[in-house]
Amino acid sequence: MNDWKERLGVVYSTNPDYDYDTAAVDEPQTLPSHEQRLRVSIEKNGRGGKVVTLVRGFVGTADDLKNLGKWLKTRCGVGGSVKDGELIIQCNLRERVVDLLRSEGYTGTK
């Protein structure tokens, strides 16, 4: 592999046997909805006093998590984001989020 664009940011090595590895970490496969164990909670700390609803425990690809977040935000009519493997939904909507997730087959939701 001599593509220099893939090696940007790598420190030069004088070792003649050095082999640059570009392998990325594979994302886990998305579990079916009935096998997911999602945890829904409310958090206020570190958010300027504003309350948010957090959904944690999703096992799957980042795209699937993003799609789930978009669906939840649309159904709740609020904003939010996906960061560090968790969904952040604005406002205190814990009960509504749990009901929506259970209606979509996420039976392990608490």
C-alpha atoms as a PDB file:
ATOM      1  CA  MET A   1       0.000   0.000   0.000  1.00  0.00           C
ATOM      2  CA  ASN A   2       1.655   3.171  -1.178  1.00  0.00           C
ATOM      3  CA  ASP A   3      -1.328   5.469  -0.983  1.00  0.00           C
ATOM      4  CA  TRP A   4       0.041   8.383   1.042  1.00  0.00           C
ATOM      5  CA  LYS A   5      -3.444   9.770   1.773  1.00  0.00           C
ATOM      6  CA  GLU A   6      -4.237   6.790   3.974  1.00  0.00           C
ATOM      7  CA  ARG A   7      -1.065   7.361   5.997  1.00  0.00           C
ATOM      8  CA  LEU A   8      -1.545  11.002   6.918  1.00  0.00           C
ATOM      9  CA  GLY A   9      -0.691  11.651  10.537  1.00  0.00           C
ATOM     10  CA  VAL A  10       1.588   8.612  10.899  1.00  0.00           C
ATOM     11  CA  VAL A  11       5.055   9.176  12.316  1.00  0.00           C
ATOM     12  CA  TYR A  12       7.905   8.031  10.087  1.00  0.00           C
ATOM     13  CA  SER A  13       9.513   4.692  10.992  1.00  0.00           C
ATOM     14  CA  THR A  14      13.111   3.730  10.212  1.00  0.00           C
ATOM     15  CA  ASN A  15      12.310   0.038  10.694  1.00  0.00           C
ATOM     16  CA  PRO A  16      12.568  -1.617   7.243  1.00  0.00           C
ATOM     17  CA  ASP A  17      10.115  -4.344   8.314  1.00  0.00           C
ATOM     18  CA  TYR A  18       7.419  -1.870   9.382  1.00  0.00           C
ATOM     19  CA  ASP A  19       4.056  -2.585   7.784  1.00  0.00           C
ATOM     20  CA  TYR A  20       1.488   0.164   7.948  1.00  0.00           C
ATOM     21  CA  ASP A  21      -1.900  -1.259   8.954  1.00  0.00           C
ATOM     22  CA  THR A  22      -5.015   0.620   7.836  1.00  0.00           C
ATOM     23  CA  ALA A  23      -7.532  -1.856   9.228  1.00  0.00           C
ATOM     24  CA  ALA A  24     -10.378  -0.096  10.981  1.00  0.00           C
ATOM     25  CA  VAL A  25     -12.354  -1.514  13.873  1.00  0.00           C
ATOM     26  CA  ASP A  26     -15.480  -3.259  12.635  1.00  0.00           C
ATOM     27  CA  GLU A  27     -18.804  -2.125  14.030  1.00  0.00           C
ATOM     28  CA  PRO A  28     -20.908  -4.774  15.734  1.00  0.00           C
ATOM     29  CA  GLN A  29     -23.872  -6.181  13.862  1.00  0.00           C
ATOM     30  CA  THR A  30     -27.192  -4.655  14.854  1.00  0.00           C
ATOM     31  CA  LEU A  31     -29.169  -6.960  17.093  1.00  0.00           C
ATOM     32  CA  PRO A  32     -32.863  -7.497  16.344  1.00  0.00           C
ATOM     33  CA  SER A  33     -35.153  -5.157  18.264  1.00  0.00           C
ATOM     34  CA  HIS A  34     -36.463  -7.854  20.609  1.00  0.00           C
ATOM     35  CA  GLU A  35     -32.886  -8.681  21.731  1.00  0.00           C
ATOM     36  CA  GLN A  36     -31.867  -5.080  22.470  1.00  0.00           C
ATOM     37  CA  ARG A  37     -31.640  -4.091  26.142  1.00  0.00           C
ATOM     38  CA  LEU A  38     -32.171  -0.340  26.071  1.00  0.00           C
ATOM     39  CA  ARG A  39     -32.146   1.836  29.188  1.00  0.00           C
ATOM     40  CA  VAL A  40     -34.039   5.128  29.165  1.00  0.00           C
ATOM     41  CA  SER A  41     -33.161   7.716  31.807  1.00  0.00           C
ATOM     42  CA  ILE A  42     -33.430  11.416  32.602  1.00  0.00           C
ATOM     43  CA  GLU A  43     -30.353  13.576  33.089  1.00  0.00           C
ATOM     44  CA  LYS A  44     -29.873  17.210  34.016  1.00  0.00           C
ATOM     45  CA  ASN A  45     -26.260  17.452  35.179  1.00  0.00           C
ATOM     46  CA  GLY A  46     -23.798  19.200  32.894  1.00  0.00           C
ATOM     47  CA  ARG A  47     -26.477  20.451  30.507  1.00  0.00           C
ATOM     48  CA  GLY A  48     -27.027  23.962  31.734  1.00  0.00           C
ATOM     49  CA  GLY A  49     -29.981  22.944  33.912  1.00  0.00           C
ATOM     50  CA  LYS A  50     -31.935  21.568  30.958  1.00  0.00           C
ATOM     51  CA  VAL A  51     -33.487  18.116  31.233  1.00  0.00           C
ATOM     52  CA  VAL A  52     -32.776  15.511  28.537  1.00  0.00           C
ATOM     53  CA  THR A  53     -33.879  11.927  28.001  1.00  0.00           C
ATOM     54  CA  LEU A  54     -31.034   9.464  27.383  1.00  0.00           C
ATOM     55  CA  VAL A  55     -31.342   6.094  25.642  1.00  0.00           C
ATOM     56  CA  ARG A  56     -28.361   3.818  26.298  1.00  0.00           C
ATOM     57  CA  GLY A  57     -27.423   0.238  25.539  1.00  0.00           C
ATOM     58  CA  PHE A  58     -28.004   0.065  21.775  1.00  0.00           C
ATOM     59  CA  VAL A  59     -25.899  -2.650  20.137  1.00  0.00           C
ATOM     60  CA  GLY A  60     -25.388  -2.074  16.440  1.00  0.00           C
ATOM     61  CA  THR A  61     -24.000   0.160  13.748  1.00  0.00           C
ATOM     62  CA  ALA A  62     -23.813   3.920  14.040  1.00  0.00           C
ATOM     63  CA  ASP A  63     -26.169   4.329  11.067  1.00  0.00           C
ATOM     64  CA  ASP A  64     -28.849   2.188  12.708  1.00  0.00           C
ATOM     65  CA  LEU A  65     -28.515   4.165  15.936  1.00  0.00           C
ATOM     66  CA  LYS A  66     -28.788   7.407  13.985  1.00  0.00           C
ATOM     67  CA  ASN A  67     -31.925   6.147  12.219  1.00  0.00           C
ATOM     68  CA  LEU A  68     -33.497   5.134  15.540  1.00  0.00           C
ATOM     69  CA  GLY A  69     -32.686   8.568  16.952  1.00  0.00           C
ATOM     70  CA  LYS A  70     -34.215  10.311  13.965  1.00  0.00           C
ATOM     71  CA  TRP A  71     -37.370   8.202  14.258  1.00  0.00           C
ATOM     72  CA  LEU A  72     -37.705   8.917  17.998  1.00  0.00           C
ATOM     73  CA  LYS A  73     -37.130  12.651  17.581  1.00  0.00           C
ATOM     74  CA  THR A  74     -39.728  12.794  14.811  1.00  0.00           C
ATOM     75  CA  ARG A  75     -42.317  10.862  16.828  1.00  0.00           C
ATOM     76  CA  CYS A  76     -41.733  12.995  19.935  1.00  0.00           C
ATOM     77  CA  GLY A  77     -41.570  16.276  18.021  1.00  0.00           C
ATOM     78  CA  VAL A  78     -38.373  17.448  19.718  1.00  0.00           C
ATOM     79  CA  GLY A  79     -34.696  17.830  18.932  1.00  0.00           C
ATOM     80  CA  GLY A  80     -31.758  15.762  20.035  1.00  0.00           C
ATOM     81  CA  SER A  81     -28.602  14.082  18.888  1.00  0.00           C
ATOM     82  CA  VAL A  82     -26.582  10.865  18.864  1.00  0.00           C
ATOM     83  CA  LYS A  83     -23.255  11.016  20.722  1.00  0.00           C
ATOM     84  CA  ASP A  84     -20.929   8.369  22.117  1.00  0.00           C
ATOM     85  CA  GLY A  85     -23.329   5.522  21.409  1.00  0.00           C
ATOM     86  CA  GLU A  86     -26.310   7.062  23.177  1.00  0.00           C
ATOM     87  CA  LEU A  87     -29.392   8.949  22.051  1.00  0.00           C
ATOM     88  CA  ILE A  88     -29.996  12.357  23.566  1.00  0.00           C
ATOM     89  CA  ILE A  89     -33.569  13.605  23.281  1.00  0.00           C
ATOM     90  CA  GLN A  90     -34.501  17.053  24.542  1.00  0.00           C
ATOM     91  CA  CYS A  91     -37.103  17.387  27.330  1.00  0.00           C
ATOM     92  CA  ASN A  92     -38.392  14.945  29.918  1.00  0.00           C
ATOM     93  CA  LEU A  93     -40.060  12.364  27.655  1.00  0.00           C
ATOM     94  CA  ARG A  94     -39.029   9.149  29.390  1.00  0.00           C
ATOM     95  CA  GLU A  95     -42.468   7.496  29.461  1.00  0.00           C
ATOM     96  CA  ARG A  96     -43.266   8.414  25.873  1.00  0.00           C
ATOM     97  CA  VAL A  97     -39.903   7.151  24.616  1.00  0.00           C
ATOM     98  CA  VAL A  98     -40.332   3.845  26.480  1.00  0.00           C
ATOM     99  CA  ASP A  99     -43.838   3.416  25.022  1.00  0.00           C
ATOM    100  CA  LEU A 100     -42.610   4.188  21.494  1.00  0.00           C
ATOM    101  CA  LEU A 101     -39.685   1.771  21.772  1.00  0.00           C
ATOM    102  CA  ARG A 102     -41.924  -1.011  23.090  1.00  0.00           C
ATOM    103  CA  SER A 103     -44.393  -0.443  20.254  1.00  0.00           C
ATOM    104  CA  GLU A 104     -41.510  -0.956  17.787  1.00  0.00           C
ATOM    105  CA  GLY A 105     -40.531  -4.278  19.367  1.00  0.00           C
ATOM    106  CA  TYR A 106     -37.817  -3.197  21.811  1.00  0.00           C
ATOM    107  CA  THR A 107     -39.232  -5.369  24.606  1.00  0.00           C
ATOM    108  CA  GLY A 108     -36.122  -5.176  26.836  1.00  0.00           C
ATOM    109  CA  THR A 109     -36.576  -1.448  27.391  1.00  0.00           C
ATOM    110  CA  LYS A 110     -36.640  -0.053  30.931  1.00  0.00           C
END
